[in-house]
Amino acid sequence: MKRHLNEVLESVAEIYGNNILASARHYLEVDIGKHAEVLGYTELAEKYGQVCAIVPLKHPIEGMKVRIDGRTFVNYAQYASGIVVPGYLADETIHPYKPFIPNDSMILNCA
């Protein structure tokens, strides 16, 4: 299951790779459970349903914006790719990560 979780996170990083800026204020959320289901990992879809990866964006995208207090992201981890996940999820992967240091306020981009 660990290998499949890594594949899901690598897929997210690959999809948004050119649009990721690790220190960005704007971000979007990717539901890991739904993304796992698309990739055919139903066991992950059940376990991680409604758990979101944070994708920091170089530029805002079209749609509604919501300002979020950066303290919301306590105990989150950031991978070298720039994507961010809850710390407990990062502990279940094989990729190295560092603590995520968010901006004081972050802006969720809803597509």
C-alpha atoms as a PDB file:
ATOM      1  CA  MET A   1       0.000   0.000   0.000  1.00  0.00           C
ATOM      2  CA  LYS A   2       2.939   2.323   0.721  1.00  0.00           C
ATOM      3  CA  ARG A   3       4.134   1.979  -2.884  1.00  0.00           C
ATOM      4  CA  HIS A   4       0.676   2.843  -4.199  1.00  0.00           C
ATOM      5  CA  LEU A   5       0.455   5.913  -1.967  1.00  0.00           C
ATOM      6  CA  ASN A   6       3.814   7.069  -3.310  1.00  0.00           C
ATOM      7  CA  GLU A   7       2.551   6.582  -6.864  1.00  0.00           C
ATOM      8  CA  VAL A   8      -0.531   8.688  -6.109  1.00  0.00           C
ATOM      9  CA  LEU A   9       1.555  11.541  -4.687  1.00  0.00           C
ATOM     10  CA  GLU A  10       4.042  11.320  -7.572  1.00  0.00           C
ATOM     11  CA  SER A  11       1.134  11.514  -9.998  1.00  0.00           C
ATOM     12  CA  VAL A  12      -0.184  14.685  -8.323  1.00  0.00           C
ATOM     13  CA  ALA A  13       3.293  16.227  -8.474  1.00  0.00           C
ATOM     14  CA  GLU A  14       3.606  15.271 -12.147  1.00  0.00           C
ATOM     15  CA  ILE A  15       0.223  16.721 -13.119  1.00  0.00           C
ATOM     16  CA  TYR A  16       0.886  20.094 -11.486  1.00  0.00           C
ATOM     17  CA  GLY A  17       4.697  20.082 -11.752  1.00  0.00           C
ATOM     18  CA  ASN A  18       5.089  23.150 -13.981  1.00  0.00           C
ATOM     19  CA  ASN A  19       2.658  25.164 -11.855  1.00  0.00           C
ATOM     20  CA  ILE A  20       4.176  24.416  -8.431  1.00  0.00           C
ATOM     21  CA  LEU A  21       6.093  27.025  -6.438  1.00  0.00           C
ATOM     22  CA  ALA A  22       6.970  25.581  -3.014  1.00  0.00           C
ATOM     23  CA  SER A  23       6.754  28.922  -1.169  1.00  0.00           C
ATOM     24  CA  ALA A  24       3.579  30.202  -2.861  1.00  0.00           C
ATOM     25  CA  ARG A  25       0.660  31.813  -1.038  1.00  0.00           C
ATOM     26  CA  HIS A  26      -1.944  30.541  -3.547  1.00  0.00           C
ATOM     27  CA  TYR A  27      -2.730  26.845  -3.499  1.00  0.00           C
ATOM     28  CA  LEU A  28      -5.273  24.268  -4.511  1.00  0.00           C
ATOM     29  CA  GLU A  29      -6.344  21.075  -2.832  1.00  0.00           C
ATOM     30  CA  VAL A  30      -6.269  17.634  -4.442  1.00  0.00           C
ATOM     31  CA  ASP A  31      -8.329  14.907  -2.771  1.00  0.00           C
ATOM     32  CA  ILE A  32      -5.904  12.013  -2.403  1.00  0.00           C
ATOM     33  CA  GLY A  33      -8.701   9.443  -2.097  1.00  0.00           C
ATOM     34  CA  LYS A  34     -10.358  10.552  -5.336  1.00  0.00           C
ATOM     35  CA  HIS A  35      -7.028  10.715  -7.159  1.00  0.00           C
ATOM     36  CA  ALA A  36      -6.160   7.215  -5.902  1.00  0.00           C
ATOM     37  CA  GLU A  37      -9.497   5.954  -7.177  1.00  0.00           C
ATOM     38  CA  VAL A  38      -8.812   7.397 -10.630  1.00  0.00           C
ATOM     39  CA  LEU A  39      -5.509   5.503 -10.627  1.00  0.00           C
ATOM     40  CA  GLY A  40      -7.332   2.298  -9.626  1.00  0.00           C
ATOM     41  CA  TYR A  41      -6.262   2.082  -5.969  1.00  0.00           C
ATOM     42  CA  THR A  42      -9.634   1.572  -4.308  1.00  0.00           C
ATOM     43  CA  GLU A  43      -8.112   0.589  -0.943  1.00  0.00           C
ATOM     44  CA  LEU A  44      -6.413   3.999  -0.805  1.00  0.00           C
ATOM     45  CA  ALA A  45      -9.589   5.733  -1.927  1.00  0.00           C
ATOM     46  CA  GLU A  46     -11.370   4.362   1.131  1.00  0.00           C
ATOM     47  CA  LYS A  47      -8.530   5.051   3.564  1.00  0.00           C
ATOM     48  CA  TYR A  48      -7.654   8.565   2.354  1.00  0.00           C
ATOM     49  CA  GLY A  49     -11.041   9.826   1.183  1.00  0.00           C
ATOM     50  CA  GLN A  50     -11.296  13.565   1.909  1.00  0.00           C
ATOM     51  CA  VAL A  51      -7.589  13.836   2.802  1.00  0.00           C
ATOM     52  CA  CYS A  52      -6.093  16.567   0.652  1.00  0.00           C
ATOM     53  CA  ALA A  53      -2.672  17.255  -0.760  1.00  0.00           C
ATOM     54  CA  ILE A  54      -1.856  20.952  -0.994  1.00  0.00           C
ATOM     55  CA  VAL A  55      -0.400  22.143  -4.286  1.00  0.00           C
ATOM     56  CA  PRO A  56       1.268  25.580  -3.946  1.00  0.00           C
ATOM     57  CA  LEU A  57       0.692  27.482  -7.190  1.00  0.00           C
ATOM     58  CA  LYS A  58       3.023  29.837  -9.068  1.00  0.00           C
ATOM     59  CA  HIS A  59       0.003  31.823 -10.245  1.00  0.00           C
ATOM     60  CA  PRO A  60      -3.604  32.015  -9.067  1.00  0.00           C
ATOM     61  CA  ILE A  61      -6.151  30.142 -11.166  1.00  0.00           C
ATOM     62  CA  GLU A  62      -9.640  31.161 -12.296  1.00  0.00           C
ATOM     63  CA  GLY A  63     -12.393  30.731  -9.761  1.00  0.00           C
ATOM     64  CA  MET A  64     -13.295  31.567  -6.201  1.00  0.00           C
ATOM     65  CA  LYS A  65     -10.559  32.414  -3.689  1.00  0.00           C
ATOM     66  CA  VAL A  66     -10.697  31.832   0.078  1.00  0.00           C
ATOM     67  CA  ARG A  67      -8.163  33.251   2.538  1.00  0.00           C
ATOM     68  CA  ILE A  68      -6.973  30.627   5.035  1.00  0.00           C
ATOM     69  CA  ASP A  69      -4.917  31.215   8.186  1.00  0.00           C
ATOM     70  CA  GLY A  70      -1.470  29.664   7.685  1.00  0.00           C
ATOM     71  CA  ARG A  71      -1.684  28.110  11.157  1.00  0.00           C
ATOM     72  CA  THR A  72      -4.169  25.669   9.645  1.00  0.00           C
ATOM     73  CA  PHE A  73      -1.190  23.768   8.255  1.00  0.00           C
ATOM     74  CA  VAL A  74       0.480  22.827  11.535  1.00  0.00           C
ATOM     75  CA  ASN A  75       2.120  19.387  11.290  1.00  0.00           C
ATOM     76  CA  TYR A  76       2.089  19.353   7.485  1.00  0.00           C
ATOM     77  CA  ALA A  77       5.047  18.078   5.463  1.00  0.00           C
ATOM     78  CA  GLN A  78       6.451  19.248   2.121  1.00  0.00           C
ATOM     79  CA  TYR A  79       8.174  17.049  -0.441  1.00  0.00           C
ATOM     80  CA  ALA A  80      10.949  18.135  -2.795  1.00  0.00           C
ATOM     81  CA  SER A  81       8.316  18.360  -5.558  1.00  0.00           C
ATOM     82  CA  GLY A  82       6.636  21.156  -3.579  1.00  0.00           C
ATOM     83  CA  ILE A  83       3.401  19.356  -2.745  1.00  0.00           C
ATOM     84  CA  VAL A  84       2.296  19.338   0.884  1.00  0.00           C
ATOM     85  CA  VAL A  85       0.465  16.644   2.848  1.00  0.00           C
ATOM     86  CA  PRO A  86      -0.598  16.128   6.471  1.00  0.00           C
ATOM     87  CA  GLY A  87       2.305  14.884   8.587  1.00  0.00           C
ATOM     88  CA  TYR A  88       0.692  11.541   9.436  1.00  0.00           C
ATOM     89  CA  LEU A  89       0.351  10.794   5.733  1.00  0.00           C
ATOM     90  CA  ALA A  90       3.957  11.813   5.016  1.00  0.00           C
ATOM     91  CA  ASP A  91       5.067   9.301   7.664  1.00  0.00           C
ATOM     92  CA  GLU A  92       3.442   6.561   5.584  1.00  0.00           C
ATOM     93  CA  THR A  93       5.505   7.302   2.462  1.00  0.00           C
ATOM     94  CA  ILE A  94       9.094   6.536   1.500  1.00  0.00           C
ATOM     95  CA  HIS A  95       9.967   9.970   0.108  1.00  0.00           C
ATOM     96  CA  PRO A  96      11.965  12.375   2.260  1.00  0.00           C
ATOM     97  CA  TYR A  97      10.132  15.502   3.387  1.00  0.00           C
ATOM     98  CA  LYS A  98      10.603  18.577   5.525  1.00  0.00           C
ATOM     99  CA  PRO A  99       8.184  20.463   7.767  1.00  0.00           C
ATOM    100  CA  PHE A 100       5.927  22.778   5.775  1.00  0.00           C
ATOM    101  CA  ILE A 101       6.316  26.446   6.638  1.00  0.00           C
ATOM    102  CA  PRO A 102       3.218  28.228   5.301  1.00  0.00           C
ATOM    103  CA  ASN A 103       2.729  31.944   4.766  1.00  0.00           C
ATOM    104  CA  ASP A 104       0.851  33.789   7.525  1.00  0.00           C
ATOM    105  CA  SER A 105      -2.197  33.659   5.309  1.00  0.00           C
ATOM    106  CA  MET A 106      -2.737  31.313   2.400  1.00  0.00           C
ATOM    107  CA  ILE A 107      -5.224  31.625  -0.459  1.00  0.00           C
ATOM    108  CA  LEU A 108      -7.183  28.547  -1.483  1.00  0.00           C
ATOM    109  CA  ASN A 109      -8.023  28.582  -5.180  1.00  0.00           C
ATOM    110  CA  CYS A 110     -11.264  26.727  -5.882  1.00  0.00           C
ATOM    111  CA  ALA A 111     -11.546  25.566  -9.460  1.00  0.00           C
END
